[in-house]
Amino acid sequence: MRTGSECVKQRCRSLFRYLGKNPGPWWLSSLRLKEAADTLRNTCWAKERKDRDLDAARADFQLGPVYMLLMGMAVEAGLKAILVAKKPDLVDAEGISKSLTNHRLAKLWNLAGLSRLGSRQRDSLLDRLENCVVIFGRYPVSKTPDGMKKMANSSFQGQLHFDQVERLWACLEKHVRKTIPELFNGTVEGAQEPDTRTEEAL
């Protein structure tokens, strides 16, 4: 007969497999982060403003990297939803594959089947989002002095970047709808309810 700690461990493993191998929770995380970014944008930046507005400039400097952090994480979770749908064994009993635990947005973008060719602007934006996710959306400095070179590519330029990020998101969402249509009709193929037999035995 299993002990209480063994039962808890089994429940955790079942929940881990269910949430990890199912693209639905990954996409839900992506949507939550996008909603948080939208809330920040709509609250702290006026919809109508004059060029070089002082409040807008202050928001760009103080909150722009945080907005980019949230959007970068939203894009990252969305890309990982696609990758999990394509290859569920990226998550196994031992944990999440190293190829899925990084923040390298450009690489994840390509692995998810979204071409970066022919769009220098998109390449630059993915790099900018990654810089904010890894460093400048969270910390004042990088791990090393050399890493500070990336700060120049992490500044936020208001409406220009809002527009670019929204186009990037629209491209990602379109691809998610194409590759995982089950997410939008309420049934995720291959999704299984977590094994609750252990819970029922308690």
N, C-alpha and C. Protein backbone atom coordinates (compact mmCIF):
# COMPACT_ATOMS: atom_id res chain seq x y z
N MET A 1 0.85 -1.20 0.00
CA MET A 1 0.00 0.00 0.00
C MET A 1 0.88 1.25 0.00
N ARG A 2 0.53 2.21 -0.82
CA ARG A 2 1.34 3.42 -0.94
C ARG A 2 1.15 4.34 0.25
N THR A 3 2.24 5.01 0.61
CA THR A 3 2.17 5.99 1.68
C THR A 3 1.58 7.29 1.14
N GLY A 4 1.25 8.21 2.06
CA GLY A 4 0.70 9.49 1.63
C GLY A 4 1.64 10.26 0.74
N SER A 5 2.94 10.25 1.07
CA SER A 5 3.92 10.99 0.27
C SER A 5 4.06 10.39 -1.12
N GLU A 6 3.96 9.07 -1.24
CA GLU A 6 4.03 8.42 -2.54
C GLU A 6 2.82 8.78 -3.39
N CYS A 7 1.67 8.87 -2.76
CA CYS A 7 0.45 9.24 -3.49
C CYS A 7 0.53 10.68 -4.01
N VAL A 8 1.06 11.56 -3.17
CA VAL A 8 1.23 12.96 -3.58
C VAL A 8 2.20 13.04 -4.75
N LYS A 9 3.28 12.28 -4.66
CA LYS A 9 4.28 12.26 -5.73
C LYS A 9 3.68 11.77 -7.03
N GLN A 10 2.83 10.75 -6.95
CA GLN A 10 2.19 10.21 -8.14
C GLN A 10 1.22 11.22 -8.75
N ARG A 11 0.49 11.92 -7.90
CA ARG A 11 -0.44 12.93 -8.40
C ARG A 11 0.31 14.05 -9.12
N CYS A 12 1.44 14.45 -8.53
CA CYS A 12 2.25 15.51 -9.14
C CYS A 12 2.78 15.07 -10.50
N ARG A 13 3.21 13.82 -10.61
CA ARG A 13 3.70 13.31 -11.88
C ARG A 13 2.60 13.27 -12.93
N SER A 14 1.40 12.84 -12.52
CA SER A 14 0.28 12.79 -13.46
C SER A 14 -0.10 14.18 -13.94
N LEU A 15 -0.12 15.14 -13.01
CA LEU A 15 -0.46 16.51 -13.37
C LEU A 15 0.61 17.11 -14.26
N PHE A 16 1.88 16.82 -13.96
CA PHE A 16 2.99 17.31 -14.77
C PHE A 16 2.89 16.82 -16.20
N ARG A 17 2.62 15.52 -16.36
CA ARG A 17 2.51 14.96 -17.71
C ARG A 17 1.33 15.58 -18.45
N TYR A 18 0.21 15.71 -17.78
CA TYR A 18 -0.99 16.25 -18.42
C TYR A 18 -0.78 17.69 -18.88
N LEU A 19 -0.29 18.53 -17.99
CA LEU A 19 -0.11 19.95 -18.32
C LEU A 19 1.06 20.16 -19.28
N GLY A 20 2.12 19.36 -19.12
CA GLY A 20 3.31 19.55 -19.94
C GLY A 20 3.14 19.09 -21.37
N LYS A 21 2.48 17.96 -21.57
CA LYS A 21 2.33 17.39 -22.90
C LYS A 21 1.15 17.95 -23.68
N ASN A 22 0.31 18.69 -23.02
CA ASN A 22 -0.89 19.25 -23.63
C ASN A 22 -0.61 20.69 -24.08
N PRO A 23 -0.74 21.00 -25.37
CA PRO A 23 -0.45 22.36 -25.82
C PRO A 23 -1.42 23.40 -25.27
N GLY A 24 -2.59 22.95 -24.83
CA GLY A 24 -3.59 23.88 -24.31
C GLY A 24 -3.09 24.75 -23.16
N PRO A 25 -2.52 24.16 -22.10
CA PRO A 25 -2.01 24.98 -21.00
C PRO A 25 -0.90 25.94 -21.41
N TRP A 26 -0.06 25.51 -22.35
CA TRP A 26 0.99 26.41 -22.85
C TRP A 26 0.37 27.63 -23.54
N TRP A 27 -0.65 27.37 -24.35
CA TRP A 27 -1.31 28.46 -25.07
C TRP A 27 -2.06 29.36 -24.09
N LEU A 28 -2.67 28.78 -23.07
CA LEU A 28 -3.37 29.57 -22.07
C LEU A 28 -2.40 30.49 -21.34
N SER A 29 -1.22 29.99 -21.02
CA SER A 29 -0.20 30.83 -20.40
C SER A 29 0.18 31.99 -21.32
N SER A 30 0.29 31.69 -22.61
CA SER A 30 0.60 32.72 -23.60
C SER A 30 -0.47 33.81 -23.61
N LEU A 31 -1.73 33.39 -23.61
CA LEU A 31 -2.83 34.36 -23.64
C LEU A 31 -2.88 35.20 -22.37
N ARG A 32 -2.59 34.60 -21.24
CA ARG A 32 -2.58 35.35 -19.97
C ARG A 32 -1.51 36.43 -19.98
N LEU A 33 -0.33 36.07 -20.48
CA LEU A 33 0.75 37.05 -20.55
C LEU A 33 0.43 38.16 -21.53
N LYS A 34 -0.19 37.80 -22.66
CA LYS A 34 -0.59 38.82 -23.64
C LYS A 34 -1.63 39.77 -23.03
N GLU A 35 -2.55 39.21 -22.27
CA GLU A 35 -3.57 40.05 -21.62
C GLU A 35 -2.93 41.00 -20.61
N ALA A 36 -1.95 40.51 -19.87
CA ALA A 36 -1.24 41.35 -18.91
C ALA A 36 -0.50 42.48 -19.63
N ALA A 37 0.13 42.16 -20.75
CA ALA A 37 0.84 43.17 -21.53
C ALA A 37 -0.14 44.22 -22.07
N ASP A 38 -1.28 43.76 -22.56
CA ASP A 38 -2.29 44.68 -23.09
C ASP A 38 -2.83 45.59 -21.98
N THR A 39 -3.03 45.03 -20.80
CA THR A 39 -3.51 45.82 -19.67
C THR A 39 -2.51 46.90 -19.29
N LEU A 40 -1.25 46.53 -19.26
CA LEU A 40 -0.20 47.50 -18.96
C LEU A 40 -0.18 48.61 -20.01
N ARG A 41 -0.26 48.21 -21.27
CA ARG A 41 -0.24 49.19 -22.35
C ARG A 41 -1.43 50.14 -22.27
N ASN A 42 -2.62 49.60 -22.10
CA ASN A 42 -3.83 50.42 -22.10
C ASN A 42 -3.94 51.31 -20.87
N THR A 43 -3.27 50.91 -19.79
CA THR A 43 -3.32 51.68 -18.55
C THR A 43 -2.28 52.79 -18.52
N CYS A 44 -1.11 52.52 -19.03
CA CYS A 44 0.01 53.43 -18.85
C CYS A 44 0.37 54.27 -20.07
N TRP A 45 -0.20 53.96 -21.20
CA TRP A 45 0.04 54.77 -22.39
C TRP A 45 -1.30 55.28 -22.91
N ALA A 46 -1.41 56.56 -23.11
CA ALA A 46 -2.64 57.13 -23.64
C ALA A 46 -2.83 56.70 -25.08
N LYS A 47 -4.09 56.43 -25.46
CA LYS A 47 -4.36 56.01 -26.83
C LYS A 47 -4.08 57.13 -27.83
N GLU A 48 -4.39 58.36 -27.41
CA GLU A 48 -4.13 59.51 -28.27
C GLU A 48 -3.12 60.40 -27.57
N ARG A 49 -1.99 60.65 -28.23
CA ARG A 49 -1.00 61.52 -27.61
C ARG A 49 -0.19 62.23 -28.69
N LYS A 50 0.36 63.35 -28.30
CA LYS A 50 1.19 64.10 -29.22
C LYS A 50 2.60 63.51 -29.23
N ASP A 51 3.33 63.77 -30.31
CA ASP A 51 4.71 63.32 -30.38
C ASP A 51 5.51 63.93 -29.25
N ARG A 52 6.41 63.11 -28.67
CA ARG A 52 7.28 63.55 -27.59
C ARG A 52 6.51 63.97 -26.34
N ASP A 53 5.33 63.43 -26.16
CA ASP A 53 4.57 63.67 -24.94
C ASP A 53 5.39 63.19 -23.75
N LEU A 54 5.50 64.02 -22.70
CA LEU A 54 6.36 63.71 -21.56
C LEU A 54 5.94 62.44 -20.84
N ASP A 55 4.64 62.27 -20.63
CA ASP A 55 4.16 61.08 -19.94
C ASP A 55 4.43 59.81 -20.75
N ALA A 56 4.24 59.92 -22.05
CA ALA A 56 4.49 58.77 -22.92
C ALA A 56 5.97 58.42 -22.92
N ALA A 57 6.82 59.45 -22.97
CA ALA A 57 8.26 59.22 -22.96
C ALA A 57 8.69 58.57 -21.65
N ARG A 58 8.09 59.00 -20.55
CA ARG A 58 8.41 58.40 -19.25
C ARG A 58 7.98 56.94 -19.21
N ALA A 59 6.78 56.66 -19.74
CA ALA A 59 6.30 55.28 -19.79
C ALA A 59 7.19 54.42 -20.68
N ASP A 60 7.61 54.99 -21.81
CA ASP A 60 8.52 54.25 -22.70
C ASP A 60 9.77 53.81 -21.95
N PHE A 61 10.34 54.73 -21.18
CA PHE A 61 11.60 54.45 -20.48
C PHE A 61 11.40 53.51 -19.30
N GLN A 62 10.38 53.79 -18.49
CA GLN A 62 10.21 53.03 -17.25
C GLN A 62 9.51 51.69 -17.46
N LEU A 63 8.51 51.66 -18.33
CA LEU A 63 7.66 50.47 -18.46
C LEU A 63 7.80 49.75 -19.80
N GLY A 64 8.42 50.40 -20.77
CA GLY A 64 8.60 49.76 -22.07
C GLY A 64 9.27 48.40 -21.99
N PRO A 65 10.39 48.29 -21.26
CA PRO A 65 11.04 46.97 -21.15
C PRO A 65 10.17 45.92 -20.46
N VAL A 66 9.31 46.36 -19.53
CA VAL A 66 8.42 45.41 -18.85
C VAL A 66 7.34 44.93 -19.81
N TYR A 67 6.82 45.85 -20.61
CA TYR A 67 5.85 45.46 -21.65
C TYR A 67 6.48 44.46 -22.60
N MET A 68 7.71 44.73 -23.01
CA MET A 68 8.40 43.82 -23.93
C MET A 68 8.70 42.48 -23.26
N LEU A 69 8.99 42.51 -21.97
CA LEU A 69 9.19 41.27 -21.21
C LEU A 69 7.94 40.40 -21.26
N LEU A 70 6.78 41.00 -20.97
CA LEU A 70 5.53 40.26 -20.97
C LEU A 70 5.20 39.73 -22.37
N MET A 71 5.40 40.56 -23.39
CA MET A 71 5.10 40.12 -24.75
C MET A 71 6.09 39.06 -25.21
N GLY A 72 7.35 39.19 -24.81
CA GLY A 72 8.32 38.18 -25.16
C GLY A 72 7.98 36.84 -24.54
N MET A 73 7.52 36.86 -23.28
CA MET A 73 7.13 35.63 -22.61
C MET A 73 5.86 35.05 -23.23
N ALA A 74 4.96 35.93 -23.67
CA ALA A 74 3.74 35.46 -24.33
C ALA A 74 4.08 34.76 -25.65
N VAL A 75 4.96 35.37 -26.42
CA VAL A 75 5.40 34.76 -27.68
C VAL A 75 6.11 33.44 -27.41
N GLU A 76 6.96 33.43 -26.40
CA GLU A 76 7.69 32.21 -26.06
C GLU A 76 6.74 31.06 -25.70
N ALA A 77 5.76 31.33 -24.85
CA ALA A 77 4.81 30.28 -24.45
C ALA A 77 3.98 29.81 -25.63
N GLY A 78 3.62 30.74 -26.52
CA GLY A 78 2.87 30.36 -27.71
C GLY A 78 3.67 29.46 -28.63
N LEU A 79 4.94 29.79 -28.82
CA LEU A 79 5.81 28.96 -29.65
C LEU A 79 5.99 27.57 -29.04
N LYS A 80 6.10 27.51 -27.73
CA LYS A 80 6.27 26.22 -27.06
C LYS A 80 5.00 25.38 -27.12
N ALA A 81 3.84 26.04 -27.20
CA ALA A 81 2.59 25.30 -27.40
C ALA A 81 2.64 24.55 -28.73
N ILE A 82 3.14 25.22 -29.75
CA ILE A 82 3.27 24.60 -31.07
C ILE A 82 4.25 23.43 -31.03
N LEU A 83 5.38 23.64 -30.37
CA LEU A 83 6.40 22.60 -30.31
C LEU A 83 5.92 21.38 -29.52
N VAL A 84 5.19 21.60 -28.44
CA VAL A 84 4.65 20.50 -27.65
C VAL A 84 3.60 19.73 -28.46
N ALA A 85 2.81 20.46 -29.23
CA ALA A 85 1.80 19.80 -30.07
C ALA A 85 2.48 18.93 -31.13
N LYS A 86 3.59 19.42 -31.67
CA LYS A 86 4.31 18.67 -32.70
C LYS A 86 5.08 17.49 -32.12
N LYS A 87 5.62 17.68 -30.92
CA LYS A 87 6.48 16.66 -30.33
C LYS A 87 6.24 16.58 -28.82
N PRO A 88 5.19 15.86 -28.40
CA PRO A 88 4.87 15.77 -26.97
C PRO A 88 5.98 15.20 -26.11
N ASP A 89 6.88 14.39 -26.72
CA ASP A 89 7.93 13.78 -25.91
C ASP A 89 9.01 14.79 -25.51
N LEU A 90 8.83 16.07 -25.86
CA LEU A 90 9.71 17.10 -25.31
C LEU A 90 9.51 17.21 -23.80
N VAL A 91 8.37 16.70 -23.35
CA VAL A 91 8.09 16.61 -21.92
C VAL A 91 7.92 15.14 -21.59
N ASP A 92 8.80 14.61 -20.72
CA ASP A 92 8.69 13.20 -20.34
C ASP A 92 8.68 13.07 -18.82
N ALA A 93 8.79 11.85 -18.35
CA ALA A 93 8.70 11.60 -16.91
C ALA A 93 9.83 12.26 -16.14
N GLU A 94 10.95 12.52 -16.81
CA GLU A 94 12.11 13.11 -16.14
C GLU A 94 12.03 14.63 -16.07
N GLY A 95 11.24 15.23 -16.95
CA GLY A 95 11.12 16.68 -16.95
C GLY A 95 10.96 17.24 -18.36
N ILE A 96 11.21 18.53 -18.49
CA ILE A 96 11.08 19.23 -19.76
C ILE A 96 12.43 19.24 -20.46
N SER A 97 12.42 18.93 -21.76
CA SER A 97 13.65 18.90 -22.54
C SER A 97 14.36 20.26 -22.51
N LYS A 98 15.69 20.22 -22.52
CA LYS A 98 16.47 21.46 -22.52
C LYS A 98 16.15 22.33 -23.73
N SER A 99 15.76 21.69 -24.83
CA SER A 99 15.43 22.47 -26.03
C SER A 99 14.16 23.28 -25.84
N LEU A 100 13.43 23.00 -24.76
CA LEU A 100 12.17 23.71 -24.51
C LEU A 100 12.26 24.64 -23.31
N THR A 101 13.39 24.64 -22.61
CA THR A 101 13.51 25.45 -21.40
C THR A 101 14.32 26.73 -21.63
N ASN A 102 14.68 27.01 -22.86
CA ASN A 102 15.46 28.22 -23.14
C ASN A 102 14.55 29.36 -23.56
N HIS A 103 15.13 30.56 -23.65
CA HIS A 103 14.39 31.75 -24.06
C HIS A 103 14.85 32.26 -25.43
N ARG A 104 15.44 31.39 -26.21
CA ARG A 104 15.98 31.81 -27.51
C ARG A 104 14.84 31.90 -28.53
N LEU A 105 14.23 33.07 -28.58
CA LEU A 105 13.01 33.24 -29.36
C LEU A 105 13.21 33.00 -30.85
N ALA A 106 14.32 33.44 -31.38
CA ALA A 106 14.56 33.26 -32.81
C ALA A 106 14.63 31.77 -33.16
N LYS A 107 15.32 30.99 -32.33
CA LYS A 107 15.43 29.57 -32.57
C LYS A 107 14.07 28.89 -32.40
N LEU A 108 13.34 29.24 -31.36
CA LEU A 108 12.01 28.68 -31.14
C LEU A 108 11.08 29.03 -32.28
N TRP A 109 11.20 30.25 -32.79
CA TRP A 109 10.36 30.72 -33.91
C TRP A 109 10.58 29.82 -35.12
N ASN A 110 11.84 29.52 -35.41
CA ASN A 110 12.16 28.66 -36.55
C ASN A 110 11.69 27.23 -36.33
N LEU A 111 11.94 26.70 -35.13
CA LEU A 111 11.53 25.32 -34.82
C LEU A 111 10.01 25.16 -34.90
N ALA A 112 9.30 26.21 -34.62
CA ALA A 112 7.84 26.15 -34.66
C ALA A 112 7.30 26.22 -36.09
N GLY A 113 8.20 26.44 -37.05
CA GLY A 113 7.77 26.46 -38.45
C GLY A 113 7.47 27.83 -38.99
N LEU A 114 7.90 28.86 -38.29
CA LEU A 114 7.68 30.24 -38.74
C LEU A 114 8.98 30.77 -39.31
N SER A 115 9.01 31.03 -40.60
CA SER A 115 10.23 31.46 -41.26
C SER A 115 10.60 32.88 -40.86
N ARG A 116 11.90 33.09 -40.64
CA ARG A 116 12.39 34.43 -40.35
C ARG A 116 13.01 35.06 -41.59
N LEU A 117 13.13 34.29 -42.66
CA LEU A 117 13.80 34.79 -43.86
C LEU A 117 13.05 35.96 -44.47
N GLY A 118 13.80 36.93 -44.94
CA GLY A 118 13.19 38.04 -45.66
C GLY A 118 12.58 39.09 -44.76
N SER A 119 12.86 39.05 -43.44
CA SER A 119 12.29 40.03 -42.54
C SER A 119 13.32 40.42 -41.48
N ARG A 120 14.15 41.38 -41.82
CA ARG A 120 15.15 41.85 -40.85
C ARG A 120 14.47 42.50 -39.66
N GLN A 121 13.35 43.17 -39.91
CA GLN A 121 12.62 43.81 -38.83
C GLN A 121 12.14 42.79 -37.82
N ARG A 122 11.64 41.65 -38.31
CA ARG A 122 11.17 40.60 -37.42
C ARG A 122 12.33 39.98 -36.65
N ASP A 123 13.45 39.77 -37.33
CA ASP A 123 14.64 39.24 -36.66
C ASP A 123 15.04 40.16 -35.50
N SER A 124 15.09 41.44 -35.79
CA SER A 124 15.50 42.42 -34.78
C SER A 124 14.51 42.45 -33.63
N LEU A 125 13.23 42.35 -33.94
CA LEU A 125 12.21 42.40 -32.90
C LEU A 125 12.29 41.17 -32.00
N LEU A 126 12.50 40.00 -32.57
CA LEU A 126 12.65 38.79 -31.76
C LEU A 126 13.86 38.90 -30.84
N ASP A 127 14.96 39.46 -31.36
CA ASP A 127 16.15 39.65 -30.54
C ASP A 127 15.88 40.65 -29.41
N ARG A 128 15.14 41.70 -29.74
CA ARG A 128 14.81 42.72 -28.74
C ARG A 128 13.94 42.14 -27.63
N LEU A 129 12.94 41.36 -28.02
CA LEU A 129 12.06 40.71 -27.04
C LEU A 129 12.86 39.75 -26.16
N GLU A 130 13.75 38.99 -26.79
CA GLU A 130 14.58 38.05 -26.03
C GLU A 130 15.46 38.77 -25.01
N ASN A 131 16.04 39.89 -25.41
CA ASN A 131 16.87 40.67 -24.49
C ASN A 131 16.08 41.12 -23.28
N CYS A 132 14.82 41.49 -23.49
CA CYS A 132 13.99 41.96 -22.38
C CYS A 132 13.53 40.80 -21.50
N VAL A 133 13.30 39.64 -22.11
CA VAL A 133 12.92 38.46 -21.33
C VAL A 133 14.08 37.99 -20.46
N VAL A 134 15.26 37.95 -21.03
CA VAL A 134 16.42 37.39 -20.33
C VAL A 134 17.05 38.38 -19.36
N ILE A 135 17.11 39.67 -19.77
CA ILE A 135 17.85 40.63 -18.95
C ILE A 135 17.05 41.88 -18.61
N PHE A 136 16.88 42.75 -19.60
CA PHE A 136 16.54 44.13 -19.32
C PHE A 136 15.08 44.40 -18.95
N GLY A 137 14.22 43.39 -19.08
CA GLY A 137 12.86 43.55 -18.58
C GLY A 137 12.78 43.22 -17.10
N ARG A 138 13.88 42.61 -16.57
CA ARG A 138 13.89 42.17 -15.17
C ARG A 138 15.01 42.79 -14.35
N TYR A 139 16.17 42.96 -14.97
CA TYR A 139 17.35 43.39 -14.23
C TYR A 139 17.94 44.67 -14.82
N PRO A 140 18.71 45.42 -14.01
CA PRO A 140 19.33 46.64 -14.53
C PRO A 140 20.57 46.39 -15.35
N VAL A 141 21.20 45.23 -15.12
CA VAL A 141 22.45 44.92 -15.85
C VAL A 141 22.46 43.46 -16.27
N SER A 142 23.33 43.16 -17.20
CA SER A 142 23.51 41.78 -17.66
C SER A 142 24.47 41.05 -16.71
N LYS A 143 24.67 39.75 -16.96
CA LYS A 143 25.56 38.96 -16.10
C LYS A 143 27.00 39.41 -16.20
N THR A 144 27.39 39.89 -17.39
CA THR A 144 28.78 40.30 -17.62
C THR A 144 28.80 41.67 -18.29
N PRO A 145 29.91 42.39 -18.21
CA PRO A 145 30.01 43.69 -18.88
C PRO A 145 29.75 43.60 -20.39
N ASP A 146 30.23 42.52 -21.01
CA ASP A 146 30.04 42.36 -22.45
C ASP A 146 28.56 42.27 -22.81
N GLY A 147 27.76 41.73 -21.90
CA GLY A 147 26.34 41.60 -22.15
C GLY A 147 25.61 42.92 -22.25
N MET A 148 26.23 43.99 -21.75
CA MET A 148 25.60 45.31 -21.79
C MET A 148 25.50 45.84 -23.22
N LYS A 149 26.22 45.20 -24.14
CA LYS A 149 26.12 45.61 -25.54
C LYS A 149 24.69 45.45 -26.05
N LYS A 150 23.96 44.49 -25.46
CA LYS A 150 22.60 44.22 -25.90
C LYS A 150 21.62 45.30 -25.45
N MET A 151 22.03 46.14 -24.50
CA MET A 151 21.12 47.16 -24.00
C MET A 151 20.68 48.12 -25.09
N ALA A 152 21.59 48.41 -26.02
CA ALA A 152 21.26 49.32 -27.12
C ALA A 152 20.13 48.77 -27.97
N ASN A 153 19.99 47.44 -28.00
CA ASN A 153 18.94 46.81 -28.79
C ASN A 153 17.75 46.43 -27.91
N SER A 154 17.61 47.11 -26.78
CA SER A 154 16.51 46.81 -25.88
C SER A 154 15.70 48.05 -25.52
N SER A 155 16.08 49.18 -26.09
CA SER A 155 15.33 50.40 -25.81
C SER A 155 13.94 50.29 -26.45
N PHE A 156 12.98 51.00 -25.85
CA PHE A 156 11.60 50.92 -26.30
C PHE A 156 11.20 52.23 -26.96
N GLN A 157 10.58 52.13 -28.12
CA GLN A 157 10.24 53.32 -28.89
C GLN A 157 8.74 53.46 -29.12
N GLY A 158 7.97 53.28 -28.07
CA GLY A 158 6.55 53.56 -28.09
C GLY A 158 5.75 52.92 -29.21
N GLN A 159 5.02 53.75 -29.94
CA GLN A 159 4.08 53.25 -30.93
C GLN A 159 4.73 52.38 -32.00
N LEU A 160 5.96 52.69 -32.35
CA LEU A 160 6.67 51.90 -33.35
C LEU A 160 6.75 50.44 -32.91
N HIS A 161 7.15 50.20 -31.68
CA HIS A 161 7.27 48.84 -31.21
C HIS A 161 5.93 48.21 -30.86
N PHE A 162 4.97 49.02 -30.43
CA PHE A 162 3.62 48.49 -30.23
C PHE A 162 3.11 47.87 -31.53
N ASP A 163 3.26 48.60 -32.61
CA ASP A 163 2.77 48.13 -33.92
C ASP A 163 3.52 46.88 -34.36
N GLN A 164 4.83 46.88 -34.20
CA GLN A 164 5.63 45.73 -34.62
C GLN A 164 5.28 44.48 -33.81
N VAL A 165 5.12 44.66 -32.50
CA VAL A 165 4.80 43.52 -31.63
C VAL A 165 3.43 42.96 -31.96
N GLU A 166 2.47 43.82 -32.23
CA GLU A 166 1.13 43.35 -32.55
C GLU A 166 1.11 42.55 -33.86
N ARG A 167 1.92 42.99 -34.84
CA ARG A 167 2.01 42.24 -36.09
C ARG A 167 2.67 40.88 -35.86
N LEU A 168 3.68 40.87 -35.01
CA LEU A 168 4.35 39.61 -34.67
C LEU A 168 3.38 38.66 -33.98
N TRP A 169 2.61 39.19 -33.04
CA TRP A 169 1.63 38.37 -32.32
C TRP A 169 0.57 37.82 -33.28
N ALA A 170 0.10 38.66 -34.18
CA ALA A 170 -0.92 38.23 -35.15
C ALA A 170 -0.39 37.08 -36.00
N CYS A 171 0.88 37.16 -36.38
CA CYS A 171 1.51 36.10 -37.17
C CYS A 171 1.58 34.80 -36.36
N LEU A 172 1.96 34.92 -35.09
CA LEU A 172 2.04 33.74 -34.23
C LEU A 172 0.66 33.12 -34.03
N GLU A 173 -0.33 33.95 -33.71
CA GLU A 173 -1.67 33.43 -33.45
C GLU A 173 -2.25 32.74 -34.69
N LYS A 174 -2.00 33.31 -35.84
CA LYS A 174 -2.46 32.70 -37.09
C LYS A 174 -1.85 31.31 -37.27
N HIS A 175 -0.56 31.21 -36.93
CA HIS A 175 0.13 29.93 -37.08
C HIS A 175 -0.37 28.91 -36.05
N VAL A 176 -0.66 29.37 -34.86
CA VAL A 176 -1.21 28.47 -33.84
C VAL A 176 -2.57 27.94 -34.30
N ARG A 177 -3.41 28.82 -34.83
CA ARG A 177 -4.72 28.39 -35.32
C ARG A 177 -4.59 27.37 -36.44
N LYS A 178 -3.54 27.52 -37.25
CA LYS A 178 -3.34 26.61 -38.37
C LYS A 178 -2.79 25.26 -37.92
N THR A 179 -1.86 25.29 -36.99
CA THR A 179 -1.19 24.05 -36.58
C THR A 179 -1.90 23.31 -35.46
N ILE A 180 -2.65 24.06 -34.61
CA ILE A 180 -3.37 23.41 -33.51
C ILE A 180 -4.83 23.89 -33.49
N PRO A 181 -5.59 23.58 -34.54
CA PRO A 181 -6.98 24.07 -34.60
C PRO A 181 -7.84 23.57 -33.45
N GLU A 182 -7.42 22.44 -32.83
CA GLU A 182 -8.20 21.88 -31.72
C GLU A 182 -8.31 22.85 -30.55
N LEU A 183 -7.33 23.75 -30.43
CA LEU A 183 -7.37 24.71 -29.33
C LEU A 183 -8.53 25.68 -29.45
N PHE A 184 -9.04 25.83 -30.67
CA PHE A 184 -10.05 26.84 -30.91
C PHE A 184 -11.45 26.26 -31.12
N ASN A 185 -11.54 24.92 -31.08
CA ASN A 185 -12.87 24.31 -31.15
C ASN A 185 -13.18 23.49 -29.91
N GLY A 186 -12.31 23.66 -28.89
CA GLY A 186 -12.62 23.06 -27.60
C GLY A 186 -12.12 21.66 -27.37
N THR A 187 -11.46 21.06 -28.39
CA THR A 187 -10.94 19.70 -28.20
C THR A 187 -9.49 19.66 -28.63
N VAL A 188 -8.63 19.32 -27.73
CA VAL A 188 -7.21 19.22 -28.04
C VAL A 188 -6.87 17.76 -28.29
N GLU A 189 -6.47 17.46 -29.50
CA GLU A 189 -6.17 16.09 -29.88
C GLU A 189 -5.05 15.52 -29.01
N GLY A 190 -5.30 14.30 -28.49
CA GLY A 190 -4.29 13.63 -27.70
C GLY A 190 -4.28 14.02 -26.24
N ALA A 191 -5.08 15.03 -25.88
CA ALA A 191 -5.12 15.44 -24.48
C ALA A 191 -5.81 14.37 -23.65
N GLN A 192 -5.23 14.06 -22.53
CA GLN A 192 -5.80 13.07 -21.64
C GLN A 192 -5.97 13.66 -20.26
N GLU A 193 -7.06 13.31 -19.61
CA GLU A 193 -7.26 13.78 -18.25
C GLU A 193 -6.21 13.14 -17.35
N PRO A 194 -5.73 13.88 -16.34
CA PRO A 194 -4.74 13.29 -15.46
C PRO A 194 -5.30 12.09 -14.71
N ASP A 195 -4.43 11.12 -14.44
CA ASP A 195 -4.83 9.90 -13.75
C ASP A 195 -5.18 10.23 -12.30
N THR A 196 -6.42 10.05 -11.93
CA THR A 196 -6.87 10.39 -10.58
C THR A 196 -7.09 9.17 -9.73
N ARG A 197 -6.68 8.01 -10.22
CA ARG A 197 -6.93 6.79 -9.46
C ARG A 197 -6.24 6.82 -8.10
N THR A 198 -5.07 7.43 -8.06
CA THR A 198 -4.36 7.54 -6.79
C THR A 198 -5.14 8.37 -5.80
N GLU A 199 -5.72 9.49 -6.31
CA GLU A 199 -6.49 10.37 -5.44
C GLU A 199 -7.71 9.63 -4.90
N GLU A 200 -8.37 8.87 -5.75
CA GLU A 200 -9.58 8.16 -5.35
C GLU A 200 -9.28 7.08 -4.31
N ALA A 201 -8.04 6.58 -4.33
CA ALA A 201 -7.68 5.51 -3.41
C ALA A 201 -7.42 6.01 -2.00
N LEU A 202 -7.21 7.37 -1.89
CA LEU A 202 -6.92 7.91 -0.57
C LEU A 202 -8.17 7.96 0.30
